[in-house]
Amino acid sequence: MEHGRLFIDSAGVEWEVYDESQWSIAMALDWDYPPQVDDFGLLFDSPVGKRRVFPCPNGWQSLSDSELEALLHRARSLT
């Protein structure tokens, strides 16, 4: 996974989390969703959907799984 992190939420769903500012063109094409130019978000991807919350919080890589899940619940669905 490129610049991302995996976590499992309390329902047992595995999510891949990405900082939108670190996206490559290939990742943007895989998502069929253009990245933001100025206001980068934090993107969540799983078999149950894709979500985005912004702005991307500083130090998100060091957040606990429960803190990431709280962000996930605030995130807007992209699918």
PDB file of N, CA and C in Angstrom:
ATOM      1  N   MET A   1       0.852  -1.169   0.000  1.00  0.00           N
ATOM      2  CA  MET A   1       0.000   0.000   0.000  1.00  0.00           C
ATOM      3  C   MET A   1       0.899   1.233   0.000  1.00  0.00           C
ATOM      4  N   GLU A   2       0.573   2.185  -0.811  1.00  0.00           N
ATOM      5  CA  GLU A   2       1.393   3.370  -1.011  1.00  0.00           C
ATOM      6  C   GLU A   2       0.939   4.496  -0.084  1.00  0.00           C
ATOM      7  N   HIS A   3       1.752   4.854   0.907  1.00  0.00           N
ATOM      8  CA  HIS A   3       1.469   5.968   1.821  1.00  0.00           C
ATOM      9  C   HIS A   3       0.178   5.773   2.597  1.00  0.00           C
ATOM     10  N   GLY A   4      -0.203   4.562   2.880  1.00  0.00           N
ATOM     11  CA  GLY A   4      -1.460   4.327   3.565  1.00  0.00           C
ATOM     12  C   GLY A   4      -1.303   3.510   4.830  1.00  0.00           C
ATOM     13  N   ARG A   5      -2.443   3.181   5.381  1.00  0.00           N
ATOM     14  CA  ARG A   5      -2.481   2.415   6.619  1.00  0.00           C
ATOM     15  C   ARG A   5      -3.739   1.555   6.620  1.00  0.00           C
ATOM     16  N   LEU A   6      -3.647   0.388   7.219  1.00  0.00           N
ATOM     17  CA  LEU A   6      -4.797  -0.501   7.378  1.00  0.00           C
ATOM     18  C   LEU A   6      -5.282  -0.440   8.815  1.00  0.00           C
ATOM     19  N   PHE A   7      -6.615  -0.517   8.992  1.00  0.00           N
ATOM     20  CA  PHE A   7      -7.159  -0.733  10.319  1.00  0.00           C
ATOM     21  C   PHE A   7      -8.486  -1.468  10.187  1.00  0.00           C
ATOM     22  N   ILE A   8      -8.891  -2.120  11.256  1.00  0.00           N
ATOM     23  CA  ILE A   8     -10.152  -2.852  11.283  1.00  0.00           C
ATOM     24  C   ILE A   8     -11.076  -2.143  12.253  1.00  0.00           C
ATOM     25  N   ASP A   9     -12.289  -1.794  11.760  1.00  0.00           N
ATOM     26  CA  ASP A   9     -13.226  -1.068  12.613  1.00  0.00           C
ATOM     27  C   ASP A   9     -13.938  -2.020  13.578  1.00  0.00           C
ATOM     28  N   SER A  10     -14.782  -1.480  14.421  1.00  0.00           N
ATOM     29  CA  SER A  10     -15.442  -2.275  15.459  1.00  0.00           C
ATOM     30  C   SER A  10     -16.435  -3.286  14.894  1.00  0.00           C
ATOM     31  N   ALA A  11     -16.817  -3.134  13.619  1.00  0.00           N
ATOM     32  CA  ALA A  11     -17.705  -4.100  12.952  1.00  0.00           C
ATOM     33  C   ALA A  11     -16.918  -5.194  12.237  1.00  0.00           C
ATOM     34  N   GLY A  12     -15.583  -5.120  12.319  1.00  0.00           N
ATOM     35  CA  GLY A  12     -14.739  -6.121  11.682  1.00  0.00           C
ATOM     36  C   GLY A  12     -14.410  -5.835  10.228  1.00  0.00           C
ATOM     37  N   VAL A  13     -14.705  -4.627   9.747  1.00  0.00           N
ATOM     38  CA  VAL A  13     -14.420  -4.246   8.355  1.00  0.00           C
ATOM     39  C   VAL A  13     -12.998  -3.692   8.280  1.00  0.00           C
ATOM     40  N   GLU A  14     -12.222  -4.193   7.326  1.00  0.00           N
ATOM     41  CA  GLU A  14     -10.858  -3.699   7.113  1.00  0.00           C
ATOM     42  C   GLU A  14     -10.897  -2.496   6.182  1.00  0.00           C
ATOM     43  N   TRP A  15     -10.276  -1.422   6.607  1.00  0.00           N
ATOM     44  CA  TRP A  15     -10.210  -0.180   5.844  1.00  0.00           C
ATOM     45  C   TRP A  15      -8.761   0.150   5.503  1.00  0.00           C
ATOM     46  N   GLU A  16      -8.548   0.606   4.277  1.00  0.00           N
ATOM     47  CA  GLU A  16      -7.272   1.185   3.872  1.00  0.00           C
ATOM     48  C   GLU A  16      -7.454   2.698   3.955  1.00  0.00           C
ATOM     49  N   VAL A  17      -6.504   3.375   4.563  1.00  0.00           N
ATOM     50  CA  VAL A  17      -6.608   4.820   4.775  1.00  0.00           C
ATOM     51  C   VAL A  17      -5.439   5.492   4.054  1.00  0.00           C
ATOM     52  N   TYR A  18      -5.759   6.564   3.322  1.00  0.00           N
ATOM     53  CA  TYR A  18      -4.749   7.269   2.530  1.00  0.00           C
ATOM     54  C   TYR A  18      -4.831   8.769   2.759  1.00  0.00           C
ATOM     55  N   ASP A  19      -3.698   9.401   2.765  1.00  0.00           N
ATOM     56  CA  ASP A  19      -3.599  10.854   2.753  1.00  0.00           C
ATOM     57  C   ASP A  19      -3.677  11.282   1.292  1.00  0.00           C
ATOM     58  N   GLU A  20      -4.692  12.042   0.964  1.00  0.00           N
ATOM     59  CA  GLU A  20      -4.922  12.439  -0.423  1.00  0.00           C
ATOM     60  C   GLU A  20      -3.758  13.230  -1.016  1.00  0.00           C
ATOM     61  N   SER A  21      -3.019  13.936  -0.174  1.00  0.00           N
ATOM     62  CA  SER A  21      -1.892  14.714  -0.690  1.00  0.00           C
ATOM     63  C   SER A  21      -0.755  13.826  -1.177  1.00  0.00           C
ATOM     64  N   GLN A  22      -0.766  12.556  -0.799  1.00  0.00           N
ATOM     65  CA  GLN A  22       0.284  11.619  -1.179  1.00  0.00           C
ATOM     66  C   GLN A  22      -0.103  10.743  -2.375  1.00  0.00           C
ATOM     67  N   TRP A  23      -1.252  11.022  -2.972  1.00  0.00           N
ATOM     68  CA  TRP A  23      -1.731  10.195  -4.078  1.00  0.00           C
ATOM     69  C   TRP A  23      -0.854  10.276  -5.301  1.00  0.00           C
ATOM     70  N   SER A  24      -0.759   9.144  -5.970  1.00  0.00           N
ATOM     71  CA  SER A  24      -0.156   9.112  -7.295  1.00  0.00           C
ATOM     72  C   SER A  24      -1.298   9.203  -8.315  1.00  0.00           C
ATOM     73  N   ILE A  25      -0.980   9.435  -9.543  1.00  0.00           N
ATOM     74  CA  ILE A  25      -1.999   9.474 -10.600  1.00  0.00           C
ATOM     75  C   ILE A  25      -2.697   8.123 -10.700  1.00  0.00           C
ATOM     76  N   ALA A  26      -1.954   7.042 -10.568  1.00  0.00           N
ATOM     77  CA  ALA A  26      -2.548   5.697 -10.646  1.00  0.00           C
ATOM     78  C   ALA A  26      -3.596   5.490  -9.560  1.00  0.00           C
ATOM     79  N   MET A  27      -3.324   5.974  -8.342  1.00  0.00           N
ATOM     80  CA  MET A  27      -4.305   5.827  -7.263  1.00  0.00           C
ATOM     81  C   MET A  27      -5.568   6.619  -7.575  1.00  0.00           C
ATOM     82  N   ALA A  28      -5.420   7.831  -8.083  1.00  0.00           N
ATOM     83  CA  ALA A  28      -6.582   8.650  -8.426  1.00  0.00           C
ATOM     84  C   ALA A  28      -7.421   7.964  -9.497  1.00  0.00           C
ATOM     85  N   LEU A  29      -6.767   7.361 -10.475  1.00  0.00           N
ATOM     86  CA  LEU A  29      -7.503   6.653 -11.527  1.00  0.00           C
ATOM     87  C   LEU A  29      -8.211   5.423 -10.976  1.00  0.00           C
ATOM     88  N   ASP A  30      -7.585   4.713 -10.057  1.00  0.00           N
ATOM     89  CA  ASP A  30      -8.216   3.543  -9.435  1.00  0.00           C
ATOM     90  C   ASP A  30      -9.482   3.929  -8.684  1.00  0.00           C
ATOM     91  N   TRP A  31      -9.504   5.111  -8.113  1.00  0.00           N
ATOM     92  CA  TRP A  31     -10.651   5.548  -7.310  1.00  0.00           C
ATOM     93  C   TRP A  31     -11.756   6.153  -8.160  1.00  0.00           C
ATOM     94  N   ASP A  32     -11.482   6.528  -9.389  1.00  0.00           N
ATOM     95  CA  ASP A  32     -12.450   7.254 -10.214  1.00  0.00           C
ATOM     96  C   ASP A  32     -12.968   8.485  -9.486  1.00  0.00           C
ATOM     97  N   TYR A  33     -12.089   9.100  -8.737  1.00  0.00           N
ATOM     98  CA  TYR A  33     -12.449  10.271  -7.941  1.00  0.00           C
ATOM     99  C   TYR A  33     -11.258  11.208  -7.953  1.00  0.00           C
ATOM    100  N   PRO A  34     -11.417  12.401  -8.489  1.00  0.00           N
ATOM    101  CA  PRO A  34     -10.261  13.292  -8.568  1.00  0.00           C
ATOM    102  C   PRO A  34      -9.840  13.802  -7.196  1.00  0.00           C
ATOM    103  N   PRO A  35      -8.551  13.811  -6.913  1.00  0.00           N
ATOM    104  CA  PRO A  35      -8.091  14.356  -5.630  1.00  0.00           C
ATOM    105  C   PRO A  35      -8.306  15.867  -5.582  1.00  0.00           C
ATOM    106  N   GLN A  36      -8.444  16.375  -4.386  1.00  0.00           N
ATOM    107  CA  GLN A  36      -8.567  17.816  -4.189  1.00  0.00           C
ATOM    108  C   GLN A  36      -7.224  18.475  -4.486  1.00  0.00           C
ATOM    109  N   VAL A  37      -7.268  19.681  -4.934  1.00  0.00           N
ATOM    110  CA  VAL A  37      -6.039  20.399  -5.266  1.00  0.00           C
ATOM    111  C   VAL A  37      -5.491  21.147  -4.048  1.00  0.00           C
ATOM    112  N   ASP A  38      -6.374  21.722  -3.250  1.00  0.00           N
ATOM    113  CA  ASP A  38      -5.934  22.541  -2.118  1.00  0.00           C
ATOM    114  C   ASP A  38      -6.237  21.911  -0.767  1.00  0.00           C
ATOM    115  N   ASP A  39      -7.439  21.447  -0.590  1.00  0.00           N
ATOM    116  CA  ASP A  39      -7.921  20.974   0.710  1.00  0.00           C
ATOM    117  C   ASP A  39      -7.857  19.446   0.739  1.00  0.00           C
ATOM    118  N   PHE A  40      -6.663  18.910   1.010  1.00  0.00           N
ATOM    119  CA  PHE A  40      -6.479  17.468   0.955  1.00  0.00           C
ATOM    120  C   PHE A  40      -7.239  16.776   2.072  1.00  0.00           C
ATOM    121  N   GLY A  41      -7.770  15.615   1.747  1.00  0.00           N
ATOM    122  CA  GLY A  41      -8.539  14.862   2.714  1.00  0.00           C
ATOM    123  C   GLY A  41      -7.870  13.557   3.103  1.00  0.00           C
ATOM    124  N   LEU A  42      -8.540  12.858   4.003  1.00  0.00           N
ATOM    125  CA  LEU A  42      -8.141  11.525   4.405  1.00  0.00           C
ATOM    126  C   LEU A  42      -9.171  10.585   3.810  1.00  0.00           C
ATOM    127  N   LEU A  43      -8.715   9.606   3.051  1.00  0.00           N
ATOM    128  CA  LEU A  43      -9.593   8.721   2.303  1.00  0.00           C
ATOM    129  C   LEU A  43      -9.616   7.330   2.921  1.00  0.00           C
ATOM    130  N   PHE A  44     -10.807   6.764   2.992  1.00  0.00           N
ATOM    131  CA  PHE A  44     -11.027   5.440   3.566  1.00  0.00           C
ATOM    132  C   PHE A  44     -11.598   4.542   2.480  1.00  0.00           C
ATOM    133  N   ASP A  45     -11.028   3.360   2.328  1.00  0.00           N
ATOM    134  CA  ASP A  45     -11.471   2.422   1.294  1.00  0.00           C
ATOM    135  C   ASP A  45     -11.664   1.041   1.916  1.00  0.00           C
ATOM    136  N   SER A  46     -12.787   0.406   1.596  1.00  0.00           N
ATOM    137  CA  SER A  46     -13.072  -0.942   2.091  1.00  0.00           C
ATOM    138  C   SER A  46     -14.021  -1.624   1.119  1.00  0.00           C
ATOM    139  N   PRO A  47     -14.287  -2.915   1.322  1.00  0.00           N
ATOM    140  CA  PRO A  47     -15.265  -3.594   0.477  1.00  0.00           C
ATOM    141  C   PRO A  47     -16.685  -3.019   0.613  1.00  0.00           C
ATOM    142  N   VAL A  48     -16.959  -2.298   1.690  1.00  0.00           N
ATOM    143  CA  VAL A  48     -18.305  -1.752   1.887  1.00  0.00           C
ATOM    144  C   VAL A  48     -18.446  -0.310   1.403  1.00  0.00           C
ATOM    145  N   GLY A  49     -17.361   0.315   0.963  1.00  0.00           N
ATOM    146  CA  GLY A  49     -17.476   1.660   0.430  1.00  0.00           C
ATOM    147  C   GLY A  49     -16.212   2.477   0.548  1.00  0.00           C
ATOM    148  N   LYS A  50     -16.314   3.694   0.021  1.00  0.00           N
ATOM    149  CA  LYS A  50     -15.213   4.657   0.055  1.00  0.00           C
ATOM    150  C   LYS A  50     -15.740   5.919   0.713  1.00  0.00           C
ATOM    151  N   ARG A  51     -14.897   6.520   1.552  1.00  0.00           N
ATOM    152  CA  ARG A  51     -15.293   7.730   2.276  1.00  0.00           C
ATOM    153  C   ARG A  51     -14.140   8.716   2.322  1.00  0.00           C
ATOM    154  N   ARG A  52     -14.508   9.984   2.569  1.00  0.00           N
ATOM    155  CA  ARG A  52     -13.497  11.039   2.631  1.00  0.00           C
ATOM    156  C   ARG A  52     -13.855  12.011   3.746  1.00  0.00           C
ATOM    157  N   VAL A  53     -12.851  12.379   4.522  1.00  0.00           N
ATOM    158  CA  VAL A  53     -13.007  13.415   5.544  1.00  0.00           C
ATOM    159  C   VAL A  53     -11.912  14.449   5.314  1.00  0.00           C
ATOM    160  N   PHE A  54     -12.250  15.715   5.468  1.00  0.00           N
ATOM    161  CA  PHE A  54     -11.221  16.735   5.299  1.00  0.00           C
ATOM    162  C   PHE A  54     -11.421  17.835   6.308  1.00  0.00           C
ATOM    163  N   PRO A  55     -10.353  18.529   6.607  1.00  0.00           N
ATOM    164  CA  PRO A  55      -9.007  18.320   6.085  1.00  0.00           C
ATOM    165  C   PRO A  55      -8.353  17.087   6.707  1.00  0.00           C
ATOM    166  N   CYS A  56      -7.309  16.641   6.046  1.00  0.00           N
ATOM    167  CA  CYS A  56      -6.540  15.512   6.568  1.00  0.00           C
ATOM    168  C   CYS A  56      -5.820  15.970   7.833  1.00  0.00           C
ATOM    169  N   PRO A  57      -6.077  15.294   8.962  1.00  0.00           N
ATOM    170  CA  PRO A  57      -5.441  15.741  10.203  1.00  0.00           C
ATOM    171  C   PRO A  57      -3.935  15.463  10.217  1.00  0.00           C
ATOM    172  N   ASN A  58      -3.190  16.401  10.764  1.00  0.00           N
ATOM    173  CA  ASN A  58      -1.751  16.187  10.939  1.00  0.00           C
ATOM    174  C   ASN A  58      -1.534  14.991  11.866  1.00  0.00           C
ATOM    175  N   GLY A  59      -0.556  14.184  11.547  1.00  0.00           N
ATOM    176  CA  GLY A  59      -0.205  13.053  12.398  1.00  0.00           C
ATOM    177  C   GLY A  59      -1.217  11.924  12.387  1.00  0.00           C
ATOM    178  N   TRP A  60      -2.041  11.850  11.347  1.00  0.00           N
ATOM    179  CA  TRP A  60      -3.084  10.820  11.315  1.00  0.00           C
ATOM    180  C   TRP A  60      -2.509   9.407  11.357  1.00  0.00           C
ATOM    181  N   GLN A  61      -1.273   9.231  10.860  1.00  0.00           N
ATOM    182  CA  GLN A  61      -0.656   7.901  10.840  1.00  0.00           C
ATOM    183  C   GLN A  61      -0.459   7.345  12.245  1.00  0.00           C
ATOM    184  N   SER A  62      -0.334   8.220  13.224  1.00  0.00           N
ATOM    185  CA  SER A  62      -0.094   7.757  14.591  1.00  0.00           C
ATOM    186  C   SER A  62      -1.370   7.675  15.432  1.00  0.00           C
ATOM    187  N   LEU A  63      -2.527   7.955  14.825  1.00  0.00           N
ATOM    188  CA  LEU A  63      -3.784   7.831  15.562  1.00  0.00           C
ATOM    189  C   LEU A  63      -4.077   6.363  15.871  1.00  0.00           C
ATOM    190  N   SER A  64      -4.777   6.135  16.955  1.00  0.00           N
ATOM    191  CA  SER A  64      -5.194   4.765  17.291  1.00  0.00           C
ATOM    192  C   SER A  64      -6.295   4.330  16.324  1.00  0.00           C
ATOM    193  N   ASP A  65      -6.563   3.027  16.279  1.00  0.00           N
ATOM    194  CA  ASP A  65      -7.642   2.529  15.431  1.00  0.00           C
ATOM    195  C   ASP A  65      -8.980   3.159  15.825  1.00  0.00           C
ATOM    196  N   SER A  66      -9.224   3.338  17.106  1.00  0.00           N
ATOM    197  CA  SER A  66     -10.495   3.934  17.537  1.00  0.00           C
ATOM    198  C   SER A  66     -10.590   5.402  17.116  1.00  0.00           C
ATOM    199  N   GLU A  67      -9.467   6.118  17.106  1.00  0.00           N
ATOM    200  CA  GLU A  67      -9.475   7.505  16.631  1.00  0.00           C
ATOM    201  C   GLU A  67      -9.713   7.565  15.123  1.00  0.00           C
ATOM    202  N   LEU A  68      -9.114   6.619  14.387  1.00  0.00           N
ATOM    203  CA  LEU A  68      -9.389   6.558  12.948  1.00  0.00           C
ATOM    204  C   LEU A  68     -10.852   6.220  12.685  1.00  0.00           C
ATOM    205  N   GLU A  69     -11.410   5.325  13.487  1.00  0.00           N
ATOM    206  CA  GLU A  69     -12.816   4.976  13.304  1.00  0.00           C
ATOM    207  C   GLU A  69     -13.724   6.175  13.568  1.00  0.00           C
ATOM    208  N   ALA A  70     -13.377   7.005  14.544  1.00  0.00           N
ATOM    209  CA  ALA A  70     -14.160   8.219  14.800  1.00  0.00           C
ATOM    210  C   ALA A  70     -14.128   9.142  13.578  1.00  0.00           C
ATOM    211  N   LEU A  71     -12.958   9.269  12.945  1.00  0.00           N
ATOM    212  CA  LEU A  71     -12.866  10.048  11.710  1.00  0.00           C
ATOM    213  C   LEU A  71     -13.689   9.411  10.601  1.00  0.00           C
ATOM    214  N   LEU A  72     -13.646   8.093  10.521  1.00  0.00           N
ATOM    215  CA  LEU A  72     -14.415   7.367   9.515  1.00  0.00           C
ATOM    216  C   LEU A  72     -15.902   7.685   9.632  1.00  0.00           C
ATOM    217  N   HIS A  73     -16.421   7.762  10.840  1.00  0.00           N
ATOM    218  CA  HIS A  73     -17.842   8.041  11.048  1.00  0.00           C
ATOM    219  C   HIS A  73     -18.212   9.466  10.651  1.00  0.00           C
ATOM    220  N   ARG A  74     -17.235  10.366  10.646  1.00  0.00           N
ATOM    221  CA  ARG A  74     -17.469  11.747  10.200  1.00  0.00           C
ATOM    222  C   ARG A  74     -17.327  11.895   8.689  1.00  0.00           C
ATOM    223  N   ALA A  75     -16.710  10.892   8.058  1.00  0.00           N
ATOM    224  CA  ALA A  75     -16.380  10.986   6.633  1.00  0.00           C
ATOM    225  C   ALA A  75     -17.621  10.885   5.753  1.00  0.00           C
ATOM    226  N   ARG A  76     -17.554  11.561   4.625  1.00  0.00           N
ATOM    227  CA  ARG A  76     -18.634  11.558   3.639  1.00  0.00           C
ATOM    228  C   ARG A  76     -18.446  10.380   2.682  1.00  0.00           C
ATOM    229  N   SER A  77     -19.537   9.713   2.369  1.00  0.00           N
ATOM    230  CA  SER A  77     -19.490   8.580   1.449  1.00  0.00           C
ATOM    231  C   SER A  77     -19.197   9.060   0.030  1.00  0.00           C
ATOM    232  N   LEU A  78     -18.334   8.332  -0.667  1.00  0.00           N
ATOM    233  CA  LEU A  78     -18.005   8.640  -2.060  1.00  0.00           C
ATOM    234  C   LEU A  78     -18.616   7.623  -3.010  1.00  0.00           C
ATOM    235  N   THR A  79     -19.285   6.601  -2.468  1.00  0.00           N
ATOM    236  CA  THR A  79     -19.880   5.575  -3.328  1.00  0.00           C
ATOM    237  C   THR A  79     -21.357   5.451  -3.067  1.00  0.00           C
TER     238      THR A  79
END
